[in-house]
Amino acid sequence: GTPGVGKTTLGKELASRAGLSYVNVGDLAKEGELYEGFDEEYDCPILDEDRVVDELEDRMSQGGVVVDYHGCDFFPERWFHIVFVLRTENSFLYDRLESRGYTGKKLQDNIQCEIFQTLYEEAVLSYKKEIVHQLPSNTPEDLERNLDQIMQWIEQWMKDNN
């Protein structure tokens, strides 16, 4: 999902409840300096996607990992059994991004990314459509509902695959 939709909050809580490991790709890149430059326009480093994949390969092959990142088109399809794209209404998202210090083009482009479902479309093009699911992420109630729904899915997957 777009920055500010609640991926980190959901991912950390899900990993905790399900006994899975959690990887925030942005943090992983920062710790390992997995960058290939700096984007002046957006004031952020440019991720070296190949190095990120190399860094995660062993961990992902073991399974049981919640991966948190806004894009997904560079991750191998074999890594995921299910993909969730969080969606947030623009009024909520605008306030969240503004409170993070996003301004100008960076703020507007992220809002447009959400309006045009850019990351959902990327996910559908990158993985089998049936494993990609959109979840609303506007309120604390949405968060709880999403956690419950994903936990049910995990429990069913474990029954079906173990």
C-alpha atoms as a PDB file:
ATOM      1  CA  GLY A   1       0.000   0.000   0.000  1.00  0.00           C
ATOM      2  CA  THR A   2       0.794   3.668  -0.291  1.00  0.00           C
ATOM      3  CA  PRO A   3       2.881   5.233   2.505  1.00  0.00           C
ATOM      4  CA  GLY A   4       0.613   6.064   5.448  1.00  0.00           C
ATOM      5  CA  VAL A   5      -2.036   3.366   4.961  1.00  0.00           C
ATOM      6  CA  GLY A   6      -1.030   1.404   8.086  1.00  0.00           C
ATOM      7  CA  LYS A   7       1.213  -1.367   6.732  1.00  0.00           C
ATOM      8  CA  THR A   8       3.715  -1.226   9.580  1.00  0.00           C
ATOM      9  CA  THR A   9       1.073  -1.149  12.321  1.00  0.00           C
ATOM     10  CA  LEU A  10      -0.762  -4.096  10.772  1.00  0.00           C
ATOM     11  CA  GLY A  11       2.402  -6.032   9.879  1.00  0.00           C
ATOM     12  CA  LYS A  12       3.995  -5.827  13.319  1.00  0.00           C
ATOM     13  CA  GLU A  13       0.776  -6.731  15.128  1.00  0.00           C
ATOM     14  CA  LEU A  14       0.041  -9.587  12.723  1.00  0.00           C
ATOM     15  CA  ALA A  15       3.533 -11.053  13.134  1.00  0.00           C
ATOM     16  CA  SER A  16       3.171 -10.806  16.909  1.00  0.00           C
ATOM     17  CA  ARG A  17      -0.258 -12.485  17.007  1.00  0.00           C
ATOM     18  CA  ALA A  18       0.620 -15.201  14.484  1.00  0.00           C
ATOM     19  CA  GLY A  19       4.135 -15.973  15.737  1.00  0.00           C
ATOM     20  CA  LEU A  20       5.640 -14.981  12.382  1.00  0.00           C
ATOM     21  CA  SER A  21       8.726 -12.908  11.712  1.00  0.00           C
ATOM     22  CA  TYR A  22       8.320  -9.359  10.430  1.00  0.00           C
ATOM     23  CA  VAL A  23      10.455  -7.546   7.854  1.00  0.00           C
ATOM     24  CA  ASN A  24      10.106  -3.850   7.118  1.00  0.00           C
ATOM     25  CA  VAL A  25      11.915  -3.557   3.779  1.00  0.00           C
ATOM     26  CA  GLY A  26      12.608   0.159   4.293  1.00  0.00           C
ATOM     27  CA  ASP A  27      14.341  -0.575   7.616  1.00  0.00           C
ATOM     28  CA  LEU A  28      16.217  -3.532   6.114  1.00  0.00           C
ATOM     29  CA  ALA A  29      17.480  -1.303   3.293  1.00  0.00           C
ATOM     30  CA  LYS A  30      18.516   1.404   5.726  1.00  0.00           C
ATOM     31  CA  GLU A  31      20.415  -1.025   7.993  1.00  0.00           C
ATOM     32  CA  GLY A  32      22.187  -2.722   5.059  1.00  0.00           C
ATOM     33  CA  GLU A  33      22.539   0.454   2.971  1.00  0.00           C
ATOM     34  CA  LEU A  34      20.788  -1.371   0.118  1.00  0.00           C
ATOM     35  CA  TYR A  35      20.517   1.712  -2.086  1.00  0.00           C
ATOM     36  CA  GLU A  36      21.622   2.656  -5.579  1.00  0.00           C
ATOM     37  CA  GLY A  37      21.376   6.424  -5.304  1.00  0.00           C
ATOM     38  CA  PHE A  38      19.222   9.262  -4.002  1.00  0.00           C
ATOM     39  CA  ASP A  39      16.059  10.772  -5.485  1.00  0.00           C
ATOM     40  CA  GLU A  40      16.342  14.543  -5.031  1.00  0.00           C
ATOM     41  CA  GLU A  41      12.770  15.184  -6.177  1.00  0.00           C
ATOM     42  CA  TYR A  42      11.240  12.918  -3.496  1.00  0.00           C
ATOM     43  CA  ASP A  43      14.045  13.451  -0.977  1.00  0.00           C
ATOM     44  CA  CYS A  44      14.602   9.746  -0.405  1.00  0.00           C
ATOM     45  CA  PRO A  45      17.104   7.002  -1.233  1.00  0.00           C
ATOM     46  CA  ILE A  46      16.547   4.730  -4.252  1.00  0.00           C
ATOM     47  CA  LEU A  47      16.177   1.091  -3.262  1.00  0.00           C
ATOM     48  CA  ASP A  48      18.532  -1.455  -4.844  1.00  0.00           C
ATOM     49  CA  GLU A  49      15.844  -4.075  -5.441  1.00  0.00           C
ATOM     50  CA  ASP A  50      18.242  -6.865  -6.469  1.00  0.00           C
ATOM     51  CA  ARG A  51      20.256  -6.488  -3.270  1.00  0.00           C
ATOM     52  CA  VAL A  52      17.039  -6.493  -1.188  1.00  0.00           C
ATOM     53  CA  VAL A  53      15.930  -9.752  -2.820  1.00  0.00           C
ATOM     54  CA  ASP A  54      19.379 -11.287  -2.251  1.00  0.00           C
ATOM     55  CA  GLU A  55      19.308 -10.153   1.379  1.00  0.00           C
ATOM     56  CA  LEU A  56      15.866 -11.709   2.000  1.00  0.00           C
ATOM     57  CA  GLU A  57      16.156 -14.922  -0.057  1.00  0.00           C
ATOM     58  CA  ASP A  58      17.211 -17.307   2.747  1.00  0.00           C
ATOM     59  CA  ARG A  59      14.734 -15.908   5.236  1.00  0.00           C
ATOM     60  CA  MET A  60      11.860 -16.043   2.734  1.00  0.00           C
ATOM     61  CA  SER A  61      12.641 -19.609   1.676  1.00  0.00           C
ATOM     62  CA  GLN A  62      12.108 -20.691   5.302  1.00  0.00           C
ATOM     63  CA  GLY A  63       8.592 -19.181   5.302  1.00  0.00           C
ATOM     64  CA  GLY A  64       6.582 -17.545   8.047  1.00  0.00           C
ATOM     65  CA  VAL A  65       7.499 -13.960   7.156  1.00  0.00           C
ATOM     66  CA  VAL A  66       5.321 -10.860   7.016  1.00  0.00           C
ATOM     67  CA  VAL A  67       6.896  -8.462   4.495  1.00  0.00           C
ATOM     68  CA  ASP A  68       6.042  -4.755   4.749  1.00  0.00           C
ATOM     69  CA  TYR A  69       6.752  -2.532   1.756  1.00  0.00           C
ATOM     70  CA  HIS A  70       4.786  -0.214  -0.499  1.00  0.00           C
ATOM     71  CA  GLY A  71       5.799  -1.855  -3.784  1.00  0.00           C
ATOM     72  CA  CYS A  72       5.892  -5.519  -4.648  1.00  0.00           C
ATOM     73  CA  ASP A  73       6.701  -5.956  -8.331  1.00  0.00           C
ATOM     74  CA  PHE A  74      10.338  -6.924  -7.720  1.00  0.00           C
ATOM     75  CA  PHE A  75       9.699  -9.673  -5.146  1.00  0.00           C
ATOM     76  CA  PRO A  76       9.702 -13.235  -6.538  1.00  0.00           C
ATOM     77  CA  GLU A  77       6.197 -14.648  -6.914  1.00  0.00           C
ATOM     78  CA  ARG A  78       7.264 -17.858  -5.124  1.00  0.00           C
ATOM     79  CA  TRP A  79       7.744 -15.931  -1.873  1.00  0.00           C
ATOM     80  CA  PHE A  80       4.074 -15.251  -1.167  1.00  0.00           C
ATOM     81  CA  HIS A  81       0.957 -17.299  -0.525  1.00  0.00           C
ATOM     82  CA  ILE A  82      -1.159 -14.169  -0.103  1.00  0.00           C
ATOM     83  CA  VAL A  83      -0.770 -10.431  -0.699  1.00  0.00           C
ATOM     84  CA  PHE A  84      -2.757  -7.738   1.090  1.00  0.00           C
ATOM     85  CA  VAL A  85      -2.954  -4.199  -0.244  1.00  0.00           C
ATOM     86  CA  LEU A  86      -4.184  -1.714   2.360  1.00  0.00           C
ATOM     87  CA  ARG A  87      -6.386   1.108   1.086  1.00  0.00           C
ATOM     88  CA  THR A  88      -7.128   4.381   2.878  1.00  0.00           C
ATOM     89  CA  GLU A  89      -9.608   7.117   2.020  1.00  0.00           C
ATOM     90  CA  ASN A  90      -7.831  10.264   0.852  1.00  0.00           C
ATOM     91  CA  SER A  91      -8.959  12.509   3.707  1.00  0.00           C
ATOM     92  CA  PHE A  92      -7.392  10.126   6.246  1.00  0.00           C
ATOM     93  CA  LEU A  93      -4.320   9.533   4.107  1.00  0.00           C
ATOM     94  CA  TYR A  94      -3.692  13.230   3.479  1.00  0.00           C
ATOM     95  CA  ASP A  95      -3.658  13.953   7.217  1.00  0.00           C
ATOM     96  CA  ARG A  96      -1.369  10.989   7.944  1.00  0.00           C
ATOM     97  CA  LEU A  97       1.157  11.955   5.268  1.00  0.00           C
ATOM     98  CA  GLU A  98       1.069  15.635   6.192  1.00  0.00           C
ATOM     99  CA  SER A  99       1.778  14.710   9.820  1.00  0.00           C
ATOM    100  CA  ARG A 100       4.862  12.788   8.563  1.00  0.00           C
ATOM    101  CA  GLY A 101       6.123  15.950   6.907  1.00  0.00           C
ATOM    102  CA  TYR A 102       5.163  15.074   3.336  1.00  0.00           C
ATOM    103  CA  THR A 103       4.621  18.213   1.248  1.00  0.00           C
ATOM    104  CA  GLY A 104       4.287  19.332  -2.359  1.00  0.00           C
ATOM    105  CA  LYS A 105       4.878  16.796  -5.108  1.00  0.00           C
ATOM    106  CA  LYS A 106       5.672  13.940  -2.695  1.00  0.00           C
ATOM    107  CA  LEU A 107       2.350  14.451  -0.878  1.00  0.00           C
ATOM    108  CA  GLN A 108       0.311  14.889  -4.069  1.00  0.00           C
ATOM    109  CA  ASP A 109       1.891  11.919  -5.865  1.00  0.00           C
ATOM    110  CA  ASN A 110       1.232   9.586  -2.936  1.00  0.00           C
ATOM    111  CA  ILE A 111      -2.402  10.710  -2.760  1.00  0.00           C
ATOM    112  CA  GLN A 112      -2.744  10.187  -6.529  1.00  0.00           C
ATOM    113  CA  CYS A 113      -1.122   6.766  -6.193  1.00  0.00           C
ATOM    114  CA  GLU A 114      -3.922   5.843  -3.776  1.00  0.00           C
ATOM    115  CA  ILE A 115      -6.684   7.381  -5.914  1.00  0.00           C
ATOM    116  CA  PHE A 116      -5.572   5.458  -8.999  1.00  0.00           C
ATOM    117  CA  GLN A 117      -5.062   2.168  -7.093  1.00  0.00           C
ATOM    118  CA  THR A 118      -1.519   2.085  -8.464  1.00  0.00           C
ATOM    119  CA  LEU A 119      -0.136  -0.369  -5.906  1.00  0.00           C
ATOM    120  CA  TYR A 120      -3.160  -2.674  -6.097  1.00  0.00           C
ATOM    121  CA  GLU A 121      -2.761  -2.776  -9.894  1.00  0.00           C
ATOM    122  CA  GLU A 122       0.957  -3.520  -9.462  1.00  0.00           C
ATOM    123  CA  ALA A 123       0.143  -6.396  -7.096  1.00  0.00           C
ATOM    124  CA  VAL A 124      -2.460  -7.879  -9.460  1.00  0.00           C
ATOM    125  CA  LEU A 125       0.034  -7.720 -12.332  1.00  0.00           C
ATOM    126  CA  SER A 126       2.819  -9.247 -10.194  1.00  0.00           C
ATOM    127  CA  TYR A 127       0.954 -12.181  -8.581  1.00  0.00           C
ATOM    128  CA  LYS A 128      -1.974 -14.460  -9.312  1.00  0.00           C
ATOM    129  CA  LYS A 129      -5.083 -12.307  -8.992  1.00  0.00           C
ATOM    130  CA  GLU A 130      -6.706 -14.731  -6.544  1.00  0.00           C
ATOM    131  CA  ILE A 131      -3.986 -14.213  -3.906  1.00  0.00           C
ATOM    132  CA  VAL A 132      -4.205 -10.391  -3.976  1.00  0.00           C
ATOM    133  CA  HIS A 133      -6.718  -8.808  -1.583  1.00  0.00           C
ATOM    134  CA  GLN A 134      -7.571  -5.186  -0.802  1.00  0.00           C
ATOM    135  CA  LEU A 135      -8.370  -4.261   2.801  1.00  0.00           C
ATOM    136  CA  PRO A 136      -9.759  -0.936   4.064  1.00  0.00           C
ATOM    137  CA  SER A 137      -7.421   0.796   6.515  1.00  0.00           C
ATOM    138  CA  ASN A 138      -9.102   3.961   7.778  1.00  0.00           C
ATOM    139  CA  THR A 139      -9.928   3.353  11.441  1.00  0.00           C
ATOM    140  CA  PRO A 140      -8.765   1.310  14.440  1.00  0.00           C
ATOM    141  CA  GLU A 141     -11.852  -0.867  13.844  1.00  0.00           C
ATOM    142  CA  ASP A 142     -10.614  -1.594  10.305  1.00  0.00           C
ATOM    143  CA  LEU A 143      -7.260  -2.622  11.772  1.00  0.00           C
ATOM    144  CA  GLU A 144      -8.905  -5.093  14.160  1.00  0.00           C
ATOM    145  CA  ARG A 145     -11.154  -6.499  11.439  1.00  0.00           C
ATOM    146  CA  ASN A 146      -8.162  -6.919   9.117  1.00  0.00           C
ATOM    147  CA  LEU A 147      -6.126  -8.659  11.786  1.00  0.00           C
ATOM    148  CA  ASP A 148      -9.013 -11.028  12.560  1.00  0.00           C
ATOM    149  CA  GLN A 149      -9.557 -11.775   8.862  1.00  0.00           C
ATOM    150  CA  ILE A 150      -5.870 -12.435   8.177  1.00  0.00           C
ATOM    151  CA  MET A 151      -5.518 -14.595  11.283  1.00  0.00           C
ATOM    152  CA  GLN A 152      -8.462 -16.717  10.080  1.00  0.00           C
ATOM    153  CA  TRP A 153      -6.780 -17.064   6.691  1.00  0.00           C
ATOM    154  CA  ILE A 154      -3.474 -18.105   8.339  1.00  0.00           C
ATOM    155  CA  GLU A 155      -5.231 -20.695  10.502  1.00  0.00           C
ATOM    156  CA  GLN A 156      -7.012 -22.146   7.462  1.00  0.00           C
ATOM    157  CA  TRP A 157      -3.793 -22.172   5.436  1.00  0.00           C
ATOM    158  CA  MET A 158      -1.999 -24.014   8.252  1.00  0.00           C
ATOM    159  CA  LYS A 159      -4.776 -26.661   8.381  1.00  0.00           C
ATOM    160  CA  ASP A 160      -4.691 -27.091   4.603  1.00  0.00           C
ATOM    161  CA  ASN A 161      -0.892 -27.244   4.278  1.00  0.00           C
ATOM    162  CA  ASN A 162       0.384 -29.095   7.351  1.00  0.00           C
END
